[in-house]
């Protein structure tokens, strides 16, 4: 049986989200629905619905009497993002350490290996892709739809922020963090250690940013 065909508005949402995440639509850019509809080969209404969903997800912002823009990434947004990541992902790591199967850990080791290769090559684009996959995989390992819904959106905002960060800065040593401590804690099936490893991983990112700003 064939899967149901995606609605045009869902297709528009996915394509516009990709354009925001890879910075083809940069923070502050005006969202011209008519031009985007023509570019995507879709109708104006599906694009309008997609832009409204993106606003609900905080990727676009409606400016009264001006139109809709791609949401900026302000300092407060970054602080809030780190707080949210710590609150959600530390709990995810705790649960994942209890539930991780050998199959899960094998998959996770493969993702960490790819991230390590990108770190050694000073390749931020590949590192960010792998880092996103690692954190996203952890959330889906625990099979909790409530956590997945919250974490998936949060991790997309995290991905956009770091792509924006590396688009204007060189990939300095230490800017791309290792996941080895987190992986070891998960493999040992010790929830407290996994929670603390995730907390330190996120805190290391925050300290690095504080040192720069």
Protein backbone atom coordinates (compact mmCIF):
# COMPACT_ATOMS: atom_id res chain seq x y z
CA UNK A 1 0.00 0.00 0.00
CA UNK A 2 1.39 3.38 -1.02
CA UNK A 3 1.85 6.01 1.69
CA UNK A 4 -0.65 8.89 1.57
CA UNK A 5 0.41 11.78 -0.66
CA UNK A 6 1.71 14.77 1.23
CA UNK A 7 -0.44 17.87 1.23
CA UNK A 8 0.98 20.83 -0.66
CA UNK A 9 1.10 22.82 2.56
CA UNK A 10 3.23 20.10 4.19
CA UNK A 11 5.58 20.09 1.20
CA UNK A 12 5.80 23.88 1.35
CA UNK A 13 6.52 23.77 5.08
CA UNK A 14 9.34 21.24 4.67
CA UNK A 15 10.95 23.11 1.79
CA UNK A 16 10.72 26.52 3.45
CA UNK A 17 12.05 25.09 6.71
CA UNK A 18 15.04 23.67 4.83
CA UNK A 19 15.65 27.09 3.28
CA UNK A 20 15.59 28.71 6.73
CA UNK A 21 17.81 26.07 8.30
CA UNK A 22 20.49 26.26 5.59
CA UNK A 23 20.29 30.09 5.59
CA UNK A 24 19.05 30.52 2.04
CA UNK A 25 16.40 32.46 3.91
CA UNK A 26 18.48 34.38 6.45
CA UNK A 27 17.37 35.99 9.72
CA UNK A 28 15.58 39.24 8.94
CA UNK A 29 14.74 38.36 5.32
CA UNK A 30 11.23 39.32 4.23
CA UNK A 31 9.01 36.36 3.39
CA UNK A 32 7.47 37.03 -0.03
CA UNK A 33 4.80 34.35 -0.28
CA UNK A 34 4.04 34.99 -3.95
CA UNK A 35 7.69 34.74 -4.99
CA UNK A 36 8.23 31.64 -2.84
CA UNK A 37 5.14 29.96 -4.26
CA UNK A 38 6.52 30.49 -7.77
CA UNK A 39 9.97 29.24 -6.75
CA UNK A 40 8.55 26.10 -5.14
CA UNK A 41 6.03 25.46 -7.88
CA UNK A 42 3.15 25.51 -5.41
CA UNK A 43 0.03 27.59 -4.91
CA UNK A 44 -0.07 30.75 -2.81
CA UNK A 45 -2.43 29.22 -0.21
CA UNK A 46 -0.21 26.21 0.68
CA UNK A 47 2.74 28.58 1.08
CA UNK A 48 0.65 30.92 3.24
CA UNK A 49 -0.36 27.99 5.47
CA UNK A 50 3.27 26.86 5.69
CA UNK A 51 4.45 30.33 6.69
CA UNK A 52 1.80 30.42 9.42
CA UNK A 53 3.09 27.08 10.75
CA UNK A 54 6.64 28.39 10.67
CA UNK A 55 5.50 31.39 12.72
CA UNK A 56 3.93 29.05 15.28
CA UNK A 57 7.26 27.21 15.43
CA UNK A 58 9.11 30.56 15.86
CA UNK A 59 11.02 30.34 12.59
CA UNK A 60 9.19 33.33 11.11
CA UNK A 61 7.84 36.46 12.78
CA UNK A 62 4.83 38.54 11.77
CA UNK A 63 5.70 42.25 11.84
CA UNK A 64 2.56 44.45 12.13
CA UNK A 65 2.01 46.52 8.97
CA UNK A 66 5.30 45.24 7.50
CA UNK A 67 4.73 41.58 6.70
CA UNK A 68 6.49 38.39 7.77
CA UNK A 69 10.24 38.01 8.22
CA UNK A 70 12.54 35.12 9.01
CA UNK A 71 13.01 35.25 12.78
CA UNK A 72 16.17 36.86 14.07
CA UNK A 73 18.46 35.05 16.51
CA UNK A 74 18.90 37.41 19.44
CA UNK A 75 21.11 36.85 22.49
CA UNK A 76 18.05 36.13 24.64
CA UNK A 77 16.93 33.50 22.12
CA UNK A 78 20.30 31.76 22.45
CA UNK A 79 20.16 31.87 26.26
CA UNK A 80 16.61 30.50 26.22
CA UNK A 81 17.63 27.79 23.76
CA UNK A 82 20.45 26.57 26.02
CA UNK A 83 18.14 26.55 29.04
CA UNK A 84 15.54 24.55 27.12
CA UNK A 85 18.14 22.11 25.83
CA UNK A 86 19.43 21.47 29.32
CA UNK A 87 15.92 20.98 30.72
CA UNK A 88 14.86 18.56 27.96
CA UNK A 89 17.98 16.79 26.78
CA UNK A 90 19.37 15.92 30.22
CA UNK A 91 16.14 14.10 30.95
CA UNK A 92 16.29 12.43 27.56
CA UNK A 93 19.82 11.18 28.28
CA UNK A 94 18.69 9.81 31.65
CA UNK A 95 15.89 7.79 30.06
CA UNK A 96 18.01 6.74 27.07
CA UNK A 97 20.66 5.24 29.36
CA UNK A 98 18.03 2.94 30.83
CA UNK A 99 16.45 1.94 27.51
CA UNK A 100 19.36 1.85 25.04
CA UNK A 101 19.68 -1.45 23.19
CA UNK A 102 22.86 -2.76 21.61
CA UNK A 103 21.38 -1.87 18.24
CA UNK A 104 20.80 1.69 19.45
CA UNK A 105 24.36 1.98 20.75
CA UNK A 106 25.83 0.61 17.52
CA UNK A 107 23.91 3.21 15.53
CA UNK A 108 24.96 5.93 17.96
CA UNK A 109 28.64 4.94 17.74
CA UNK A 110 28.43 5.24 13.97
CA UNK A 111 27.00 8.75 14.21
CA UNK A 112 29.65 9.79 16.74
CA UNK A 113 32.39 8.42 14.45
CA UNK A 114 31.12 10.59 11.60
CA UNK A 115 31.05 13.64 13.89
CA UNK A 116 34.61 12.90 15.07
CA UNK A 117 35.87 12.72 11.49
CA UNK A 118 34.26 16.09 10.78
CA UNK A 119 35.87 17.55 13.92
CA UNK A 120 39.32 16.33 12.87
CA UNK A 121 38.80 17.72 9.38
CA UNK A 122 37.53 21.06 10.76
CA UNK A 123 34.38 20.61 8.66
CA UNK A 124 31.61 22.47 10.53
CA UNK A 125 28.89 21.71 7.97
CA UNK A 126 29.37 17.95 8.28
CA UNK A 127 29.87 18.19 12.04
CA UNK A 128 26.61 20.10 12.55
CA UNK A 129 24.71 17.60 10.44
CA UNK A 130 26.12 14.69 12.48
CA UNK A 131 25.64 16.49 15.80
CA UNK A 132 22.00 17.12 14.91
CA UNK A 133 21.53 13.45 14.01
CA UNK A 134 23.12 12.32 17.30
CA UNK A 135 20.88 14.45 19.49
CA UNK A 136 17.81 13.70 17.39
CA UNK A 137 18.49 9.96 17.49
CA UNK A 138 18.73 10.05 21.29
CA UNK A 139 15.28 11.60 21.52
CA UNK A 140 13.74 9.04 19.19
CA UNK A 141 15.46 6.17 21.03
CA UNK A 142 13.23 6.68 24.05
CA UNK A 143 10.02 6.53 21.98
CA UNK A 144 8.16 9.29 23.83
CA UNK A 145 6.12 11.38 21.41
CA UNK A 146 5.66 14.28 23.84
CA UNK A 147 9.42 14.65 24.26
CA UNK A 148 10.02 14.13 20.54
CA UNK A 149 7.67 16.96 19.58
CA UNK A 150 9.39 19.41 21.93
CA UNK A 151 12.95 18.27 21.29
CA UNK A 152 12.72 18.01 17.50
CA UNK A 153 11.71 21.66 17.13
CA UNK A 154 14.29 22.77 19.70
CA UNK A 155 17.08 20.91 17.93
CA UNK A 156 16.15 22.52 14.62
CA UNK A 157 16.53 25.95 16.22
CA UNK A 158 19.87 24.79 17.62
CA UNK A 159 20.98 23.66 14.16
CA UNK A 160 20.04 27.00 12.61
CA UNK A 161 21.88 28.93 15.30
CA UNK A 162 25.12 26.97 14.88
CA UNK A 163 24.99 27.19 11.09
CA UNK A 164 24.59 30.94 11.44
CA UNK A 165 27.46 31.00 13.95
CA UNK A 166 29.89 29.09 11.73
CA UNK A 167 28.86 31.07 8.64
CA UNK A 168 30.70 34.08 10.06
CA UNK A 169 33.48 32.46 12.10
CA UNK A 170 36.29 29.99 11.43
CA UNK A 171 36.05 26.48 12.87
CA UNK A 172 38.44 27.03 15.78
CA UNK A 173 39.75 24.10 17.86
CA UNK A 174 37.29 23.32 20.63
CA UNK A 175 34.30 24.85 18.87
CA UNK A 176 33.13 21.40 17.76
CA UNK A 177 32.64 19.30 20.87
CA UNK A 178 33.29 15.60 21.36
CA UNK A 179 30.40 13.25 22.17
CA UNK A 180 32.66 10.54 23.63
CA UNK A 181 31.76 11.18 27.28
CA UNK A 182 28.06 11.11 26.50
CA UNK A 183 28.40 7.92 24.47
CA UNK A 184 30.38 6.18 27.23
CA UNK A 185 27.78 7.11 29.84
CA UNK A 186 24.94 5.81 27.68
CA UNK A 187 26.82 2.59 26.94
CA UNK A 188 27.33 1.99 30.67
CA UNK A 189 23.54 2.20 31.21
CA UNK A 190 24.01 4.57 34.14
CA UNK A 191 21.24 7.18 33.98
CA UNK A 192 22.83 9.68 36.40
CA UNK A 193 26.13 9.63 34.52
CA UNK A 194 24.36 10.03 31.17
CA UNK A 195 22.35 12.98 32.50
CA UNK A 196 25.51 14.63 33.85
CA UNK A 197 27.42 13.95 30.61
CA UNK A 198 24.68 15.68 28.61
CA UNK A 199 24.64 18.58 31.06
CA UNK A 200 28.40 19.02 30.68
CA UNK A 201 28.18 18.73 26.88
CA UNK A 202 25.63 21.56 26.73
CA UNK A 203 27.47 23.61 29.36
CA UNK A 204 30.70 23.35 27.35
CA UNK A 205 28.94 24.91 24.35
CA UNK A 206 27.61 27.69 26.54
CA UNK A 207 31.02 28.40 28.06
CA UNK A 208 32.60 28.55 24.62
CA UNK A 209 30.06 31.13 23.49
CA UNK A 210 30.45 33.16 26.69
CA UNK A 211 34.19 33.27 26.07
CA UNK A 212 33.62 34.76 22.64
CA UNK A 213 30.96 37.30 23.59
